[in-house]
Protein backbone atom coordinates (compact mmCIF):
# COMPACT_ATOMS: atom_id res chain seq x y z
CA UNK A 1 0.25 -0.16 -0.29
CA UNK A 2 1.22 3.58 -1.15
CA UNK A 3 1.61 6.27 1.60
CA UNK A 4 0.95 9.67 0.06
CA UNK A 5 1.45 13.16 2.17
CA UNK A 6 -0.58 16.42 1.15
CA UNK A 7 0.02 19.59 2.70
CA UNK A 8 -1.74 23.70 2.69
CA UNK A 9 -1.29 26.51 4.55
CA UNK A 10 -4.52 25.53 4.86
CA UNK A 11 -7.98 23.97 2.95
CA UNK A 12 -6.91 24.99 -0.53
CA UNK A 13 -5.03 21.75 -0.33
CA UNK A 14 -8.28 19.58 -0.74
CA UNK A 15 -9.04 20.65 -4.00
CA UNK A 16 -5.71 18.50 -4.95
CA UNK A 17 -6.87 15.82 -2.75
CA UNK A 18 -10.36 15.53 -3.58
CA UNK A 19 -9.44 13.63 -6.83
CA UNK A 20 -6.69 11.20 -5.06
CA UNK A 21 -9.41 8.43 -3.86
CA UNK A 22 -11.22 8.44 -6.73
CA UNK A 23 -8.48 7.65 -8.76
CA UNK A 24 -5.80 5.52 -6.84
CA UNK A 25 -6.69 2.30 -5.33
CA UNK A 26 -4.86 0.42 -1.74
CA UNK A 27 -3.17 3.67 -0.77
CA UNK A 28 -2.89 6.08 2.65
CA UNK A 29 -3.36 9.48 2.67
CA UNK A 30 -2.17 11.70 4.97
CA UNK A 31 -3.44 15.43 4.67
CA UNK A 32 -2.04 18.51 6.64
CA UNK A 33 -3.23 21.54 7.04
CA UNK A 34 -1.43 24.21 8.13
CA UNK A 35 -3.71 26.66 9.38
CA UNK A 36 -2.39 28.37 12.45
CA UNK A 37 -0.15 29.99 9.99
CA UNK A 38 -2.81 30.24 7.15
CA UNK A 39 -2.67 32.08 4.62
CA UNK A 40 1.07 31.60 3.18
CA UNK A 41 0.28 33.84 0.34
CA UNK A 42 1.06 36.94 2.38
CA UNK A 43 3.57 35.70 5.17
CA UNK A 44 7.02 36.22 5.00
CA UNK A 45 9.07 33.54 2.58
CA UNK A 46 11.27 32.48 5.39
CA UNK A 47 8.59 31.33 7.16
CA UNK A 48 6.66 29.34 4.66
CA UNK A 49 10.26 27.69 3.81
CA UNK A 50 10.30 27.04 7.55
CA UNK A 51 6.86 25.30 7.92
CA UNK A 52 7.37 23.43 4.66
CA UNK A 53 10.62 22.23 5.91
CA UNK A 54 9.00 21.16 8.80
CA UNK A 55 6.08 19.69 7.88
CA UNK A 56 8.16 17.61 5.47
CA UNK A 57 9.55 16.42 8.01
CA UNK A 58 6.56 15.47 10.12
CA UNK A 59 6.00 13.09 6.63
CA UNK A 60 9.05 11.73 6.77
CA UNK A 61 8.27 10.04 10.47
CA UNK A 62 5.23 8.95 8.32
CA UNK A 63 7.54 7.44 5.70
CA UNK A 64 5.28 8.47 3.05
CA UNK A 65 6.25 7.12 -0.31
CA UNK A 66 5.66 10.30 -2.18
CA UNK A 67 4.64 13.82 -1.17
CA UNK A 68 2.13 16.45 -2.77
CA UNK A 69 3.01 20.21 -1.94
CA UNK A 70 -0.75 21.16 -2.39
CA UNK A 71 -0.09 25.10 -2.26
CA UNK A 72 0.87 27.10 -4.56
CA UNK A 73 3.20 29.36 -2.34
CA UNK A 74 4.83 26.86 -0.68
CA UNK A 75 5.63 25.53 -4.32
CA UNK A 76 6.94 28.79 -5.05
CA UNK A 77 8.75 29.52 -2.43
CA UNK A 78 9.98 25.75 -0.67
CA UNK A 79 9.82 23.19 -3.53
CA UNK A 80 13.55 22.98 -4.25
CA UNK A 81 14.33 22.76 -1.35
CA UNK A 82 11.97 20.25 -0.08
CA UNK A 83 13.26 18.05 -2.77
CA UNK A 84 16.94 18.28 -1.64
CA UNK A 85 16.39 17.19 1.27
CA UNK A 86 14.28 14.23 0.68
CA UNK A 87 14.71 10.67 -0.97
CA UNK A 88 10.91 10.59 -2.35
CA UNK A 89 9.32 12.27 -5.21
CA UNK A 90 7.77 15.07 -4.47
CA UNK A 91 5.05 16.30 -6.60
CA UNK A 92 4.43 20.36 -6.87
CA UNK A 93 1.64 23.15 -7.50
CA UNK A 94 2.44 25.92 -10.73
CA UNK A 95 0.66 27.78 -12.50
CA UNK A 96 -0.84 26.32 -15.39
CA UNK A 97 0.86 28.76 -18.04
CA UNK A 98 1.49 26.18 -20.84
CA UNK A 99 -1.97 24.88 -21.31
CA UNK A 100 -3.07 28.13 -20.66
CA UNK A 101 -0.54 29.53 -23.97
CA UNK A 102 -2.16 26.15 -25.54
CA UNK A 103 -5.93 26.97 -25.45
CA UNK A 104 -6.26 30.72 -25.69
CA UNK A 105 -7.11 31.99 -28.76
CA UNK A 106 -7.02 35.46 -28.13
CA UNK A 107 -3.50 35.10 -26.86
CA UNK A 108 -4.00 36.76 -23.27
CA UNK A 109 -4.53 34.95 -20.49
CA UNK A 110 -4.94 35.91 -16.50
CA UNK A 111 -3.25 34.07 -13.90
CA UNK A 112 -5.05 34.54 -10.26
CA UNK A 113 -3.06 34.12 -7.31
CA UNK A 114 -1.48 34.76 -3.77
CA UNK A 115 1.53 37.94 -4.18
CA UNK A 116 3.72 35.74 -3.14
CA UNK A 117 3.29 32.96 -5.96
CA UNK A 118 3.65 35.76 -8.29
CA UNK A 119 6.42 37.56 -7.27
CA UNK A 120 8.50 34.46 -6.88
CA UNK A 121 11.39 33.53 -9.01
CA UNK A 122 9.97 30.34 -10.06
CA UNK A 123 6.86 32.23 -11.57
CA UNK A 124 9.29 34.42 -13.00
CA UNK A 125 11.50 31.07 -14.53
CA UNK A 126 7.95 29.43 -15.44
CA UNK A 127 7.16 32.49 -17.48
CA UNK A 128 10.45 33.25 -19.38
CA UNK A 129 10.83 29.45 -20.28
CA UNK A 130 7.48 29.43 -22.56
CA UNK A 131 8.69 32.64 -24.44
CA UNK A 132 5.58 34.14 -25.79
CA UNK A 133 4.12 36.31 -27.60
CA UNK A 134 0.50 36.67 -26.11
CA UNK A 135 0.00 38.52 -23.31
CA UNK A 136 -0.20 37.11 -19.39
CA UNK A 137 -1.84 39.38 -16.93
CA UNK A 138 -1.60 38.54 -13.03
CA UNK A 139 -4.00 39.09 -10.46
CA UNK A 140 -3.70 38.81 -6.63
CA UNK A 141 -6.67 37.47 -4.98
CA UNK A 142 -5.36 37.02 -1.76
CA UNK A 143 -8.86 37.91 -0.12
CA UNK A 144 -10.19 35.03 -1.75
CA UNK A 145 -7.78 32.75 0.36
CA UNK A 146 -8.90 34.31 3.39
CA UNK A 147 -12.90 33.44 2.45
CA UNK A 148 -12.01 29.46 1.08
CA UNK A 149 -10.97 29.26 4.72
CA UNK A 150 -13.24 30.85 6.49
CA UNK A 151 -16.33 29.77 4.71
CA UNK A 152 -18.33 32.91 6.18
CA UNK A 153 -20.02 34.51 3.18
CA UNK A 154 -22.73 33.86 1.18
CA UNK A 155 -22.90 32.58 -2.28
CA UNK A 156 -23.77 36.25 -3.13
CA UNK A 157 -21.35 37.58 -1.17
CA UNK A 158 -18.37 35.26 -2.55
CA UNK A 159 -19.74 36.61 -5.80
CA UNK A 160 -19.11 40.76 -5.33
CA UNK A 161 -16.07 39.22 -3.79
CA UNK A 162 -14.83 37.42 -6.70
CA UNK A 163 -16.23 40.54 -9.26
CA UNK A 164 -14.04 43.27 -6.54
CA UNK A 165 -11.12 41.27 -7.91
CA UNK A 166 -11.81 40.64 -11.49
CA UNK A 167 -13.08 44.15 -12.07
CA UNK A 168 -9.25 45.38 -12.11
CA UNK A 169 -7.92 42.85 -14.76
CA UNK A 170 -7.22 45.45 -16.99
CA UNK A 171 -6.76 43.21 -20.25
CA UNK A 172 -11.27 43.07 -20.97
CA UNK A 173 -10.45 40.46 -24.07
CA UNK A 174 -8.84 37.36 -22.25
CA UNK A 175 -10.20 34.21 -22.61
CA UNK A 176 -8.23 32.53 -20.44
CA UNK A 177 -8.36 32.42 -16.71
CA UNK A 178 -5.70 30.32 -14.90
CA UNK A 179 -6.40 29.25 -10.95
CA UNK A 180 -2.90 29.62 -9.50
CA UNK A 181 -3.95 28.87 -5.83
CA UNK A 182 -5.37 25.84 -4.85
CA UNK A 183 -7.93 27.16 -2.69
CA UNK A 184 -9.74 29.21 -5.74
CA UNK A 185 -11.37 25.61 -7.49
CA UNK A 186 -13.31 26.31 -4.62
CA UNK A 187 -14.63 29.82 -6.05
CA UNK A 188 -14.54 28.33 -9.42
CA UNK A 189 -18.83 28.79 -9.19
CA UNK A 190 -18.46 31.88 -8.14
CA UNK A 191 -15.73 32.87 -10.59
CA UNK A 192 -17.66 31.53 -13.69
CA UNK A 193 -20.88 33.92 -12.94
CA UNK A 194 -18.81 36.99 -13.13
CA UNK A 195 -17.11 35.87 -16.33
CA UNK A 196 -18.53 35.70 -19.40
CA UNK A 197 -19.66 32.42 -20.86
CA UNK A 198 -17.06 30.34 -23.48
CA UNK A 199 -14.28 31.93 -21.26
CA UNK A 200 -11.41 28.80 -20.16
CA UNK A 201 -11.18 28.37 -16.48
CA UNK A 202 -8.11 26.00 -15.81
CA UNK A 203 -7.25 23.77 -12.84
CA UNK A 204 -4.56 22.10 -12.53
CA UNK A 205 -5.65 19.99 -9.37
CA UNK A 206 -6.60 16.74 -11.27
CA UNK A 207 -2.88 17.07 -13.58
CA UNK A 208 -1.20 17.03 -10.20
CA UNK A 209 -2.50 13.90 -8.88
CA UNK A 210 -2.21 12.21 -12.33
CA UNK A 211 1.27 13.75 -12.42
CA UNK A 212 1.46 11.63 -8.95
CA UNK A 213 0.47 8.53 -10.33
CA UNK A 214 2.54 8.47 -13.47
CA UNK A 215 5.67 9.18 -10.83
CA UNK A 216 4.01 5.96 -8.45
CA UNK A 217 3.26 4.34 -11.20
CA UNK A 218 0.05 3.48 -10.18
CA UNK A 219 -3.42 2.72 -12.84
CA UNK A 220 -6.32 5.04 -12.86
CA UNK A 221 -9.51 3.64 -10.67
CA UNK A 222 -12.51 6.04 -10.76
CA UNK A 223 -15.00 3.69 -8.87
CA UNK A 224 -13.59 4.49 -5.98
CA UNK A 225 -14.76 7.09 -3.31
CA UNK A 226 -13.58 6.16 -0.01
CA UNK A 227 -12.16 8.58 2.15
CA UNK A 228 -12.10 6.55 5.16
CA UNK A 229 -7.79 5.67 4.51
CA UNK A 230 -7.41 9.64 4.88
CA UNK A 231 -5.45 11.22 8.31
CA UNK A 232 -6.21 14.86 8.47
CA UNK A 233 -3.78 16.51 11.01
CA UNK A 234 -3.79 20.58 11.03
CA UNK A 235 -2.08 23.37 13.14
CA UNK A 236 -4.94 24.76 13.84
CA UNK A 237 -8.72 24.36 15.42
CA UNK A 238 -9.42 20.39 14.25
CA UNK A 239 -13.53 20.87 14.61
CA UNK A 240 -12.90 24.05 12.47
CA UNK A 241 -11.27 21.97 9.56
CA UNK A 242 -14.03 18.87 10.07
CA UNK A 243 -16.68 21.60 9.91
CA UNK A 244 -15.37 23.71 6.89
CA UNK A 245 -14.06 20.14 4.77
CA UNK A 246 -17.77 19.03 5.24
CA UNK A 247 -18.32 22.29 3.54
CA UNK A 248 -16.25 21.88 0.82
CA UNK A 249 -16.52 18.26 -0.20
CA UNK A 250 -19.63 16.33 2.03
CA UNK A 251 -16.52 14.86 3.93
CA UNK A 252 -16.78 13.65 7.00
CA UNK A 253 -13.37 13.29 8.89
CA UNK A 254 -11.70 12.98 11.95
CA UNK A 255 -8.82 15.74 12.52
CA UNK A 256 -6.05 15.27 14.87
CA UNK A 257 -4.03 18.12 16.33
CA UNK A 258 0.04 18.87 14.61
CA UNK A 259 2.89 18.55 16.80
């Protein structure tokens, strides 16, 4: 049985984890919501790196076969350092610029992400790697992360919050929007409500699981849905994580405090 770890600053990484039980058979999953330090997007890079390395050590003690950094900010700041310290495969997030380039007909793309992700060298290098004649505009949506974590907004209030940020986008004929934060798939309904029909929204979370399966040579099984093989940990309130996980995914879980 494979043992696979996932971590995020909070609950955003659940947008990645949700695909694992429906595709991977005979595996034990571990998820850490580092809620006491959420969100990472506005924290100093030194703190994000420190927490990422500490969580990597936690998963090593669990003897996992692979680790998924289910957080764009942690990926941008700490992925290379984590990889250098671990002998197991480390799968990380990155804004899906390449798929965006391939799908954009207007050659205009908008990347929705946190400030930490967008200012990182990793993101800049990713843009440089895909030398492209089109336009890419970045939109910082830090408030969205907090909204997903808290779950205090109604759908109408969430739509207003999303619209406030999307109205700041200067490229009005962009046809592709990239979700550059794992929290944002939980706002996809609101984003679609605000954007014009026909605009493509790219969520890379499933692609991350598919990459994990390729690395571990796991064949897909689309008939699974059991979440009893997932251990949840959090550095924050266990009751809040349990409540919010049920609201987001309809999963009834028992969260454990992170030592």
